[in-house]
């Protein structure tokens, strides 16, 4: 049986800790618990977690997993949010939901 891992979600002024199955995709865990990783438009039109549209970005504040996808490397280099669809939960982490204004518009810090 998979072990549950704590994932702390910062959403505006709210902090919530989830128990996520080890190896779960962060995007799926967030959506399954009612957190929205998309903007108004991309909520309806996105790639479905394939790492192509760049709209499900979150900032990983603690417990940052090593980059595995091309966008992850760019995010690490230039300070962009990580794509939640490309992050597997393997250790405790803290993630911050970011505001999306136009399409995915993931701005660096």
PDB file of N, CA and C in Angstrom:
ATOM      1  N   UNK A   1       0.836  -1.174   0.000  1.00  0.00           N
ATOM      2  CA  UNK A   1       0.000   0.000   0.000  1.00  0.00           C
ATOM      3  C   UNK A   1       0.884   1.242   0.000  1.00  0.00           C
ATOM      4  N   UNK A   2       0.486   2.272  -0.750  1.00  0.00           N
ATOM      5  CA  UNK A   2       1.241   3.512  -0.813  1.00  0.00           C
ATOM      6  C   UNK A   2       1.162   4.257   0.509  1.00  0.00           C
ATOM      7  N   UNK A   3       2.261   4.903   0.846  1.00  0.00           N
ATOM      8  CA  UNK A   3       2.305   5.711   2.060  1.00  0.00           C
ATOM      9  C   UNK A   3       1.820   7.119   1.753  1.00  0.00           C
ATOM     10  N   UNK A   4       1.055   7.713   2.660  1.00  0.00           N
ATOM     11  CA  UNK A   4       0.573   9.080   2.468  1.00  0.00           C
ATOM     12  C   UNK A   4       1.673  10.062   2.845  1.00  0.00           C
ATOM     13  N   UNK A   5       1.833  11.092   2.023  1.00  0.00           N
ATOM     14  CA  UNK A   5       2.863  12.102   2.207  1.00  0.00           C
ATOM     15  C   UNK A   5       2.175  13.449   2.400  1.00  0.00           C
ATOM     16  N   UNK A   6       2.612  14.249   3.380  1.00  0.00           N
ATOM     17  CA  UNK A   6       1.986  15.561   3.585  1.00  0.00           C
ATOM     18  C   UNK A   6       2.402  16.559   2.496  1.00  0.00           C
ATOM     19  N   UNK A   7       1.406  17.220   1.939  1.00  0.00           N
ATOM     20  CA  UNK A   7       1.621  18.294   0.972  1.00  0.00           C
ATOM     21  C   UNK A   7       0.863  19.506   1.504  1.00  0.00           C
ATOM     22  N   UNK A   8       1.615  20.563   1.828  1.00  0.00           N
ATOM     23  CA  UNK A   8       1.004  21.785   2.320  1.00  0.00           C
ATOM     24  C   UNK A   8       0.725  22.702   1.139  1.00  0.00           C
ATOM     25  N   UNK A   9      -0.510  23.175   1.039  1.00  0.00           N
ATOM     26  CA  UNK A   9      -0.935  24.025  -0.071  1.00  0.00           C
ATOM     27  C   UNK A   9      -1.200  25.433   0.464  1.00  0.00           C
ATOM     28  N   UNK A  10      -0.507  26.412  -0.120  1.00  0.00           N
ATOM     29  CA  UNK A  10      -0.721  27.819   0.209  1.00  0.00           C
ATOM     30  C   UNK A  10      -1.598  28.408  -0.885  1.00  0.00           C
ATOM     31  N   UNK A  11      -2.776  28.863  -0.501  1.00  0.00           N
ATOM     32  CA  UNK A  11      -3.738  29.404  -1.457  1.00  0.00           C
ATOM     33  C   UNK A  11      -4.228  30.745  -0.925  1.00  0.00           C
ATOM     34  N   UNK A  12      -3.599  31.829  -1.403  1.00  0.00           N
ATOM     35  CA  UNK A  12      -3.913  33.148  -0.853  1.00  0.00           C
ATOM     36  C   UNK A  12      -3.445  33.196   0.584  1.00  0.00           C
ATOM     37  N   UNK A  13      -4.345  33.472   1.503  1.00  0.00           N
ATOM     38  CA  UNK A  13      -4.002  33.518   2.915  1.00  0.00           C
ATOM     39  C   UNK A  13      -4.287  32.222   3.649  1.00  0.00           C
ATOM     40  N   UNK A  14      -4.647  31.172   2.918  1.00  0.00           N
ATOM     41  CA  UNK A  14      -5.023  29.904   3.531  1.00  0.00           C
ATOM     42  C   UNK A  14      -3.920  28.866   3.354  1.00  0.00           C
ATOM     43  N   UNK A  15      -3.679  28.098   4.413  1.00  0.00           N
ATOM     44  CA  UNK A  15      -2.709  27.002   4.365  1.00  0.00           C
ATOM     45  C   UNK A  15      -3.436  25.718   4.723  1.00  0.00           C
ATOM     46  N   UNK A  16      -3.354  24.722   3.827  1.00  0.00           N
ATOM     47  CA  UNK A  16      -4.030  23.446   4.030  1.00  0.00           C
ATOM     48  C   UNK A  16      -3.018  22.329   3.817  1.00  0.00           C
ATOM     49  N   UNK A  17      -3.035  21.327   4.687  1.00  0.00           N
ATOM     50  CA  UNK A  17      -2.147  20.177   4.505  1.00  0.00           C
ATOM     51  C   UNK A  17      -2.961  18.979   4.057  1.00  0.00           C
ATOM     52  N   UNK A  18      -2.550  18.414   2.925  1.00  0.00           N
ATOM     53  CA  UNK A  18      -3.193  17.232   2.351  1.00  0.00           C
ATOM     54  C   UNK A  18      -2.342  16.002   2.638  1.00  0.00           C
ATOM     55  N   UNK A  19      -2.956  14.843   2.631  1.00  0.00           N
ATOM     56  CA  UNK A  19      -2.233  13.574   2.692  1.00  0.00           C
ATOM     57  C   UNK A  19      -2.354  12.960   1.303  1.00  0.00           C
ATOM     58  N   UNK A  20      -1.229  12.857   0.603  1.00  0.00           N
ATOM     59  CA  UNK A  20      -1.217  12.428  -0.789  1.00  0.00           C
ATOM     60  C   UNK A  20      -0.477  11.099  -0.909  1.00  0.00           C
ATOM     61  N   UNK A  21      -0.990  10.206  -1.705  1.00  0.00           N
ATOM     62  CA  UNK A  21      -0.332   8.913  -1.916  1.00  0.00           C
ATOM     63  C   UNK A  21       1.025   9.117  -2.563  1.00  0.00           C
ATOM     64  N   UNK A  22       2.000   8.392  -2.069  1.00  0.00           N
ATOM     65  CA  UNK A  22       3.347   8.473  -2.632  1.00  0.00           C
ATOM     66  C   UNK A  22       3.311   8.110  -4.115  1.00  0.00           C
ATOM     67  N   UNK A  23       3.948   8.950  -4.939  1.00  0.00           N
ATOM     68  CA  UNK A  23       3.992   8.711  -6.376  1.00  0.00           C
ATOM     69  C   UNK A  23       2.854   9.354  -7.153  1.00  0.00           C
ATOM     70  N   UNK A  24       1.884   9.944  -6.444  1.00  0.00           N
ATOM     71  CA  UNK A  24       0.760  10.595  -7.125  1.00  0.00           C
ATOM     72  C   UNK A  24       1.240  11.837  -7.868  1.00  0.00           C
ATOM     73  N   UNK A  25       0.544  12.179  -8.936  1.00  0.00           N
ATOM     74  CA  UNK A  25       0.838  13.399  -9.680  1.00  0.00           C
ATOM     75  C   UNK A  25       0.234  14.563  -8.901  1.00  0.00           C
ATOM     76  N   UNK A  26       1.043  15.591  -8.661  1.00  0.00           N
ATOM     77  CA  UNK A  26       0.609  16.729  -7.853  1.00  0.00           C
ATOM     78  C   UNK A  26      -0.661  17.372  -8.407  1.00  0.00           C
ATOM     79  N   UNK A  27      -0.727  17.584  -9.715  1.00  0.00           N
ATOM     80  CA  UNK A  27      -1.913  18.189 -10.347  1.00  0.00           C
ATOM     81  C   UNK A  27      -3.174  17.416  -9.986  1.00  0.00           C
ATOM     82  N   UNK A  28      -3.122  16.111 -10.123  1.00  0.00           N
ATOM     83  CA  UNK A  28      -4.286  15.270  -9.850  1.00  0.00           C
ATOM     84  C   UNK A  28      -4.682  15.345  -8.382  1.00  0.00           C
ATOM     85  N   UNK A  29      -3.696  15.322  -7.485  1.00  0.00           N
ATOM     86  CA  UNK A  29      -3.980  15.399  -6.052  1.00  0.00           C
ATOM     87  C   UNK A  29      -4.637  16.734  -5.713  1.00  0.00           C
ATOM     88  N   UNK A  30      -4.157  17.815  -6.309  1.00  0.00           N
ATOM     89  CA  UNK A  30      -4.733  19.129  -6.047  1.00  0.00           C
ATOM     90  C   UNK A  30      -6.164  19.223  -6.584  1.00  0.00           C
ATOM     91  N   UNK A  31      -6.373  18.781  -7.819  1.00  0.00           N
ATOM     92  CA  UNK A  31      -7.720  18.830  -8.405  1.00  0.00           C
ATOM     93  C   UNK A  31      -8.693  17.934  -7.643  1.00  0.00           C
ATOM     94  N   UNK A  32      -8.228  16.752  -7.228  1.00  0.00           N
ATOM     95  CA  UNK A  32      -9.090  15.804  -6.505  1.00  0.00           C
ATOM     96  C   UNK A  32      -9.554  16.352  -5.160  1.00  0.00           C
ATOM     97  N   UNK A  33      -8.788  17.286  -4.590  1.00  0.00           N
ATOM     98  CA  UNK A  33      -9.147  17.848  -3.281  1.00  0.00           C
ATOM     99  C   UNK A  33      -9.745  19.247  -3.395  1.00  0.00           C
ATOM    100  N   UNK A  34     -10.093  19.646  -4.622  1.00  0.00           N
ATOM    101  CA  UNK A  34     -10.820  20.893  -4.812  1.00  0.00           C
ATOM    102  C   UNK A  34      -9.979  22.134  -5.065  1.00  0.00           C
ATOM    103  N   UNK A  35      -8.666  21.981  -5.201  1.00  0.00           N
ATOM    104  CA  UNK A  35      -7.821  23.134  -5.515  1.00  0.00           C
ATOM    105  C   UNK A  35      -7.758  23.307  -7.025  1.00  0.00           C
ATOM    106  N   UNK A  36      -7.806  24.535  -7.474  1.00  0.00           N
ATOM    107  CA  UNK A  36      -7.798  24.831  -8.902  1.00  0.00           C
ATOM    108  C   UNK A  36      -6.413  25.304  -9.321  1.00  0.00           C
ATOM    109  N   UNK A  37      -5.760  24.551 -10.185  1.00  0.00           N
ATOM    110  CA  UNK A  37      -4.415  24.908 -10.640  1.00  0.00           C
ATOM    111  C   UNK A  37      -4.449  25.688 -11.953  1.00  0.00           C
ATOM    112  N   UNK A  38      -5.652  25.908 -12.492  1.00  0.00           N
ATOM    113  CA  UNK A  38      -5.796  26.573 -13.784  1.00  0.00           C
ATOM    114  C   UNK A  38      -6.369  27.973 -13.647  1.00  0.00           C
ATOM    115  N   UNK A  39      -6.239  28.750 -14.710  1.00  0.00           N
ATOM    116  CA  UNK A  39      -6.887  30.050 -14.814  1.00  0.00           C
ATOM    117  C   UNK A  39      -8.289  29.875 -15.356  1.00  0.00           C
ATOM    118  N   UNK A  40      -8.997  30.976 -15.524  1.00  0.00           N
ATOM    119  CA  UNK A  40     -10.400  30.916 -15.952  1.00  0.00           C
ATOM    120  C   UNK A  40     -10.567  30.226 -17.308  1.00  0.00           C
ATOM    121  N   UNK A  41      -9.727  30.556 -18.278  1.00  0.00           N
ATOM    122  CA  UNK A  41      -9.844  29.962 -19.609  1.00  0.00           C
ATOM    123  C   UNK A  41      -9.227  28.566 -19.645  1.00  0.00           C
ATOM    124  N   UNK A  42      -8.028  28.428 -19.083  1.00  0.00           N
ATOM    125  CA  UNK A  42      -7.327  27.143 -19.173  1.00  0.00           C
ATOM    126  C   UNK A  42      -7.997  26.051 -18.342  1.00  0.00           C
ATOM    127  N   UNK A  43      -8.910  26.410 -17.456  1.00  0.00           N
ATOM    128  CA  UNK A  43      -9.674  25.416 -16.705  1.00  0.00           C
ATOM    129  C   UNK A  43     -10.471  24.540 -17.672  1.00  0.00           C
ATOM    130  N   UNK A  44     -10.901  25.126 -18.785  1.00  0.00           N
ATOM    131  CA  UNK A  44     -11.712  24.400 -19.762  1.00  0.00           C
ATOM    132  C   UNK A  44     -10.892  23.878 -20.939  1.00  0.00           C
ATOM    133  N   UNK A  45      -9.818  24.573 -21.255  1.00  0.00           N
ATOM    134  CA  UNK A  45      -8.987  24.201 -22.403  1.00  0.00           C
ATOM    135  C   UNK A  45      -7.555  24.038 -21.924  1.00  0.00           C
ATOM    136  N   UNK A  46      -7.157  22.791 -21.714  1.00  0.00           N
ATOM    137  CA  UNK A  46      -5.787  22.499 -21.298  1.00  0.00           C
ATOM    138  C   UNK A  46      -5.384  21.152 -21.865  1.00  0.00           C
ATOM    139  N   UNK A  47      -4.169  20.745 -21.644  1.00  0.00           N
ATOM    140  CA  UNK A  47      -3.663  19.513 -22.265  1.00  0.00           C
ATOM    141  C   UNK A  47      -3.990  18.257 -21.459  1.00  0.00           C
ATOM    142  N   UNK A  48      -4.698  18.408 -20.338  1.00  0.00           N
ATOM    143  CA  UNK A  48      -5.093  17.240 -19.555  1.00  0.00           C
ATOM    144  C   UNK A  48      -3.958  16.599 -18.776  1.00  0.00           C
ATOM    145  N   UNK A  49      -2.930  17.376 -18.474  1.00  0.00           N
ATOM    146  CA  UNK A  49      -1.830  16.849 -17.663  1.00  0.00           C
ATOM    147  C   UNK A  49      -0.702  16.222 -18.448  1.00  0.00           C
ATOM    148  N   UNK A  50      -0.548  16.585 -19.707  1.00  0.00           N
ATOM    149  CA  UNK A  50       0.513  16.014 -20.547  1.00  0.00           C
ATOM    150  C   UNK A  50       1.790  16.865 -20.570  1.00  0.00           C
ATOM    151  N   UNK A  51       1.788  18.008 -19.864  1.00  0.00           N
ATOM    152  CA  UNK A  51       2.976  18.854 -19.814  1.00  0.00           C
ATOM    153  C   UNK A  51       3.192  19.681 -21.053  1.00  0.00           C
ATOM    154  N   UNK A  52       2.134  19.931 -21.821  1.00  0.00           N
ATOM    155  CA  UNK A  52       2.271  20.644 -23.091  1.00  0.00           C
ATOM    156  C   UNK A  52       1.771  22.080 -23.058  1.00  0.00           C
ATOM    157  N   UNK A  53       0.742  22.366 -22.259  1.00  0.00           N
ATOM    158  CA  UNK A  53       0.118  23.691 -22.335  1.00  0.00           C
ATOM    159  C   UNK A  53       0.729  24.706 -21.374  1.00  0.00           C
ATOM    160  N   UNK A  54       1.378  24.253 -20.323  1.00  0.00           N
ATOM    161  CA  UNK A  54       2.033  25.156 -19.389  1.00  0.00           C
ATOM    162  C   UNK A  54       1.098  25.954 -18.502  1.00  0.00           C
ATOM    163  N   UNK A  55      -0.110  25.464 -18.249  1.00  0.00           N
ATOM    164  CA  UNK A  55      -1.088  26.266 -17.515  1.00  0.00           C
ATOM    165  C   UNK A  55      -1.338  25.819 -16.079  1.00  0.00           C
ATOM    166  N   UNK A  56      -0.784  24.720 -15.635  1.00  0.00           N
ATOM    167  CA  UNK A  56      -1.074  24.199 -14.290  1.00  0.00           C
ATOM    168  C   UNK A  56       0.061  24.488 -13.308  1.00  0.00           C
ATOM    169  N   UNK A  57       0.743  25.585 -13.515  1.00  0.00           N
ATOM    170  CA  UNK A  57       1.907  25.909 -12.700  1.00  0.00           C
ATOM    171  C   UNK A  57       1.592  26.212 -11.246  1.00  0.00           C
ATOM    172  N   UNK A  58       2.483  25.753 -10.387  1.00  0.00           N
ATOM    173  CA  UNK A  58       2.463  26.066  -8.959  1.00  0.00           C
ATOM    174  C   UNK A  58       3.908  26.361  -8.548  1.00  0.00           C
ATOM    175  N   UNK A  59       4.073  27.118  -7.492  1.00  0.00           N
ATOM    176  CA  UNK A  59       5.418  27.359  -6.966  1.00  0.00           C
ATOM    177  C   UNK A  59       5.690  26.339  -5.867  1.00  0.00           C
ATOM    178  N   UNK A  60       6.752  25.570  -6.026  1.00  0.00           N
ATOM    179  CA  UNK A  60       7.140  24.603  -5.006  1.00  0.00           C
ATOM    180  C   UNK A  60       8.073  25.343  -4.052  1.00  0.00           C
ATOM    181  N   UNK A  61       7.615  25.584  -2.833  1.00  0.00           N
ATOM    182  CA  UNK A  61       8.373  26.370  -1.857  1.00  0.00           C
ATOM    183  C   UNK A  61       9.314  25.524  -1.017  1.00  0.00           C
ATOM    184  N   UNK A  62       8.927  24.281  -0.736  1.00  0.00           N
ATOM    185  CA  UNK A  62       9.776  23.361   0.033  1.00  0.00           C
ATOM    186  C   UNK A  62       9.591  21.959  -0.514  1.00  0.00           C
ATOM    187  N   UNK A  63      10.653  21.165  -0.437  1.00  0.00           N
ATOM    188  CA  UNK A  63      10.581  19.789  -0.921  1.00  0.00           C
ATOM    189  C   UNK A  63      10.596  19.714  -2.436  1.00  0.00           C
ATOM    190  N   UNK A  64      11.375  20.590  -3.059  1.00  0.00           N
ATOM    191  CA  UNK A  64      11.393  20.684  -4.517  1.00  0.00           C
ATOM    192  C   UNK A  64      11.986  19.430  -5.153  1.00  0.00           C
ATOM    193  N   UNK A  65      11.186  18.720  -5.954  1.00  0.00           N
ATOM    194  CA  UNK A  65      11.716  17.543  -6.652  1.00  0.00           C
ATOM    195  C   UNK A  65      12.651  17.979  -7.782  1.00  0.00           C
ATOM    196  N   UNK A  66      13.584  17.114  -8.124  1.00  0.00           N
ATOM    197  CA  UNK A  66      14.529  17.405  -9.207  1.00  0.00           C
ATOM    198  C   UNK A  66      13.772  17.567 -10.526  1.00  0.00           C
ATOM    199  N   UNK A  67      14.228  18.496 -11.391  1.00  0.00           N
ATOM    200  CA  UNK A  67      13.580  18.667 -12.697  1.00  0.00           C
ATOM    201  C   UNK A  67      13.684  17.391 -13.529  1.00  0.00           C
ATOM    202  N   UNK A  68      12.559  17.021 -14.159  1.00  0.00           N
ATOM    203  CA  UNK A  68      12.544  15.833 -15.018  1.00  0.00           C
ATOM    204  C   UNK A  68      12.061  16.142 -16.427  1.00  0.00           C
ATOM    205  N   UNK A  69      11.410  17.278 -16.620  1.00  0.00           N
ATOM    206  CA  UNK A  69      10.832  17.627 -17.905  1.00  0.00           C
ATOM    207  C   UNK A  69      11.452  18.929 -18.379  1.00  0.00           C
ATOM    208  N   UNK A  70      11.419  19.216 -19.673  1.00  0.00           N
ATOM    209  CA  UNK A  70      12.065  20.417 -20.213  1.00  0.00           C
ATOM    210  C   UNK A  70      11.560  21.691 -19.550  1.00  0.00           C
ATOM    211  N   UNK A  71      10.259  21.773 -19.256  1.00  0.00           N
ATOM    212  CA  UNK A  71       9.710  22.973 -18.637  1.00  0.00           C
ATOM    213  C   UNK A  71      10.238  23.131 -17.208  1.00  0.00           C
ATOM    214  N   UNK A  72      10.449  22.000 -16.516  1.00  0.00           N
ATOM    215  CA  UNK A  72      10.987  22.051 -15.159  1.00  0.00           C
ATOM    216  C   UNK A  72      12.363  22.701 -15.136  1.00  0.00           C
ATOM    217  N   UNK A  73      13.192  22.358 -16.099  1.00  0.00           N
ATOM    218  CA  UNK A  73      14.544  22.934 -16.162  1.00  0.00           C
ATOM    219  C   UNK A  73      14.464  24.439 -16.408  1.00  0.00           C
ATOM    220  N   UNK A  74      13.558  24.870 -17.283  1.00  0.00           N
ATOM    221  CA  UNK A  74      13.377  26.304 -17.542  1.00  0.00           C
ATOM    222  C   UNK A  74      12.839  26.997 -16.299  1.00  0.00           C
ATOM    223  N   UNK A  75      11.924  26.345 -15.613  1.00  0.00           N
ATOM    224  CA  UNK A  75      11.351  26.914 -14.391  1.00  0.00           C
ATOM    225  C   UNK A  75      12.446  27.124 -13.348  1.00  0.00           C
ATOM    226  N   UNK A  76      13.293  26.124 -13.199  1.00  0.00           N
ATOM    227  CA  UNK A  76      14.372  26.224 -12.221  1.00  0.00           C
ATOM    228  C   UNK A  76      15.361  27.326 -12.610  1.00  0.00           C
ATOM    229  N   UNK A  77      15.686  27.414 -13.874  1.00  0.00           N
ATOM    230  CA  UNK A  77      16.682  28.393 -14.329  1.00  0.00           C
ATOM    231  C   UNK A  77      16.171  29.826 -14.256  1.00  0.00           C
ATOM    232  N   UNK A  78      14.907  30.058 -14.646  1.00  0.00           N
ATOM    233  CA  UNK A  78      14.389  31.424 -14.738  1.00  0.00           C
ATOM    234  C   UNK A  78      13.343  31.775 -13.684  1.00  0.00           C
ATOM    235  N   UNK A  79      13.081  30.883 -12.762  1.00  0.00           N
ATOM    236  CA  UNK A  79      12.172  31.199 -11.661  1.00  0.00           C
ATOM    237  C   UNK A  79      10.699  31.083 -11.965  1.00  0.00           C
ATOM    238  N   UNK A  80      10.349  30.354 -13.011  1.00  0.00           N
ATOM    239  CA  UNK A  80       8.933  30.160 -13.326  1.00  0.00           C
ATOM    240  C   UNK A  80       8.339  29.090 -12.429  1.00  0.00           C
ATOM    241  N   UNK A  81       7.007  29.087 -12.274  1.00  0.00           N
ATOM    242  CA  UNK A  81       6.356  28.004 -11.525  1.00  0.00           C
ATOM    243  C   UNK A  81       6.594  26.661 -12.211  1.00  0.00           C
ATOM    244  N   UNK A  82       6.531  25.596 -11.432  1.00  0.00           N
ATOM    245  CA  UNK A  82       6.650  24.232 -11.970  1.00  0.00           C
ATOM    246  C   UNK A  82       5.276  23.766 -12.431  1.00  0.00           C
ATOM    247  N   UNK A  83       5.248  22.940 -13.455  1.00  0.00           N
ATOM    248  CA  UNK A  83       3.985  22.363 -13.928  1.00  0.00           C
ATOM    249  C   UNK A  83       3.571  21.267 -12.955  1.00  0.00           C
ATOM    250  N   UNK A  84       2.424  21.430 -12.328  1.00  0.00           N
ATOM    251  CA  UNK A  84       1.984  20.447 -11.334  1.00  0.00           C
ATOM    252  C   UNK A  84       1.709  19.081 -11.959  1.00  0.00           C
ATOM    253  N   UNK A  85       1.446  19.054 -13.255  1.00  0.00           N
ATOM    254  CA  UNK A  85       1.195  17.772 -13.932  1.00  0.00           C
ATOM    255  C   UNK A  85       2.480  16.973 -14.138  1.00  0.00           C
ATOM    256  N   UNK A  86       3.625  17.595 -13.922  1.00  0.00           N
ATOM    257  CA  UNK A  86       4.903  16.935 -14.124  1.00  0.00           C
ATOM    258  C   UNK A  86       5.651  16.681 -12.817  1.00  0.00           C
ATOM    259  N   UNK A  87       4.977  16.885 -11.693  1.00  0.00           N
ATOM    260  CA  UNK A  87       5.595  16.677 -10.385  1.00  0.00           C
ATOM    261  C   UNK A  87       4.943  15.478  -9.711  1.00  0.00           C
ATOM    262  N   UNK A  88       5.749  14.490  -9.361  1.00  0.00           N
ATOM    263  CA  UNK A  88       5.269  13.343  -8.588  1.00  0.00           C
ATOM    264  C   UNK A  88       5.597  13.590  -7.124  1.00  0.00           C
ATOM    265  N   UNK A  89       4.660  13.285  -6.271  1.00  0.00           N
ATOM    266  CA  UNK A  89       4.844  13.487  -4.838  1.00  0.00           C
ATOM    267  C   UNK A  89       5.626  12.305  -4.277  1.00  0.00           C
ATOM    268  N   UNK A  90       6.864  12.573  -3.877  1.00  0.00           N
ATOM    269  CA  UNK A  90       7.718  11.523  -3.328  1.00  0.00           C
ATOM    270  C   UNK A  90       8.257  11.879  -1.948  1.00  0.00           C
ATOM    271  N   UNK A  91       8.054  13.137  -1.545  1.00  0.00           N
ATOM    272  CA  UNK A  91       8.514  13.610  -0.240  1.00  0.00           C
ATOM    273  C   UNK A  91       7.602  14.750   0.198  1.00  0.00           C
ATOM    274  N   UNK A  92       7.612  15.079   1.490  1.00  0.00           N
ATOM    275  CA  UNK A  92       6.797  16.208   1.940  1.00  0.00           C
ATOM    276  C   UNK A  92       7.165  17.478   1.184  1.00  0.00           C
ATOM    277  N   UNK A  93       6.162  18.278   0.844  1.00  0.00           N
ATOM    278  CA  UNK A  93       6.427  19.515   0.111  1.00  0.00           C
ATOM    279  C   UNK A  93       5.405  20.571   0.466  1.00  0.00           C
ATOM    280  N   UNK A  94       5.787  21.808   0.160  1.00  0.00           N
ATOM    281  CA  UNK A  94       4.878  22.947   0.295  1.00  0.00           C
ATOM    282  C   UNK A  94       4.771  23.591  -1.073  1.00  0.00           C
ATOM    283  N   UNK A  95       3.539  23.760  -1.557  1.00  0.00           N
ATOM    284  CA  UNK A  95       3.317  24.380  -2.859  1.00  0.00           C
ATOM    285  C   UNK A  95       2.400  25.580  -2.709  1.00  0.00           C
ATOM    286  N   UNK A  96       2.622  26.563  -3.540  1.00  0.00           N
ATOM    287  CA  UNK A  96       1.792  27.765  -3.543  1.00  0.00           C
ATOM    288  C   UNK A  96       1.043  27.851  -4.860  1.00  0.00           C
ATOM    289  N   UNK A  97      -0.265  28.009  -4.793  1.00  0.00           N
ATOM    290  CA  UNK A  97      -1.060  28.200  -6.001  1.00  0.00           C
ATOM    291  C   UNK A  97      -0.825  29.627  -6.487  1.00  0.00           C
ATOM    292  N   UNK A  98      -0.634  29.791  -7.781  1.00  0.00           N
ATOM    293  CA  UNK A  98      -0.363  31.113  -8.343  1.00  0.00           C
ATOM    294  C   UNK A  98      -1.553  31.582  -9.159  1.00  0.00           C
ATOM    295  N   UNK A  99      -1.746  32.897  -9.166  1.00  0.00           N
ATOM    296  CA  UNK A  99      -2.849  33.483  -9.923  1.00  0.00           C
ATOM    297  C   UNK A  99      -2.515  33.442 -11.415  1.00  0.00           C
ATOM    298  N   UNK A 100      -3.466  33.004 -12.219  1.00  0.00           N
ATOM    299  CA  UNK A 100      -3.324  33.001 -13.671  1.00  0.00           C
ATOM    300  C   UNK A 100      -4.248  34.077 -14.220  1.00  0.00           C
ATOM    301  N   UNK A 101      -3.690  35.049 -14.934  1.00  0.00           N
ATOM    302  CA  UNK A 101      -4.486  36.165 -15.433  1.00  0.00           C
ATOM    303  C   UNK A 101      -4.933  35.911 -16.871  1.00  0.00           C
ATOM    304  N   UNK A 102      -4.006  35.594 -17.739  1.00  0.00           N
ATOM    305  CA  UNK A 102      -4.305  35.316 -19.141  1.00  0.00           C
ATOM    306  C   UNK A 102      -3.749  33.932 -19.471  1.00  0.00           C
ATOM    307  N   UNK A 103      -4.591  33.061 -20.013  1.00  0.00           N
ATOM    308  CA  UNK A 103      -4.224  31.684 -20.350  1.00  0.00           C
ATOM    309  C   UNK A 103      -3.484  31.087 -19.194  1.00  0.00           C
ATOM    310  N   UNK A 104      -2.222  30.716 -19.340  1.00  0.00           N
ATOM    311  CA  UNK A 104      -1.472  30.162 -18.209  1.00  0.00           C
ATOM    312  C   UNK A 104      -0.618  31.204 -17.536  1.00  0.00           C
ATOM    313  N   UNK A 105      -0.236  32.243 -18.218  1.00  0.00           N
ATOM    314  CA  UNK A 105       0.612  33.344 -17.789  1.00  0.00           C
ATOM    315  C   UNK A 105       1.336  33.083 -16.471  1.00  0.00           C
ATOM    316  N   UNK A 106       2.399  32.302 -16.537  1.00  0.00           N
ATOM    317  CA  UNK A 106       3.176  31.960 -15.374  1.00  0.00           C
ATOM    318  C   UNK A 106       4.380  32.895 -15.305  1.00  0.00           C
ATOM    319  N   UNK A 107       4.315  33.872 -14.444  1.00  0.00           N
ATOM    320  CA  UNK A 107       5.357  34.877 -14.344  1.00  0.00           C
ATOM    321  C   UNK A 107       6.437  34.453 -13.342  1.00  0.00           C
ATOM    322  N   UNK A 108       7.695  34.811 -13.609  1.00  0.00           N
ATOM    323  CA  UNK A 108       8.756  34.496 -12.644  1.00  0.00           C
ATOM    324  C   UNK A 108       8.573  35.303 -11.375  1.00  0.00           C
ATOM    325  N   UNK A 109       9.223  34.856 -10.292  1.00  0.00           N
ATOM    326  CA  UNK A 109       9.184  35.600  -9.018  1.00  0.00           C
ATOM    327  C   UNK A 109       9.752  36.976  -9.192  1.00  0.00           C
TER     328      UNK A 109
END
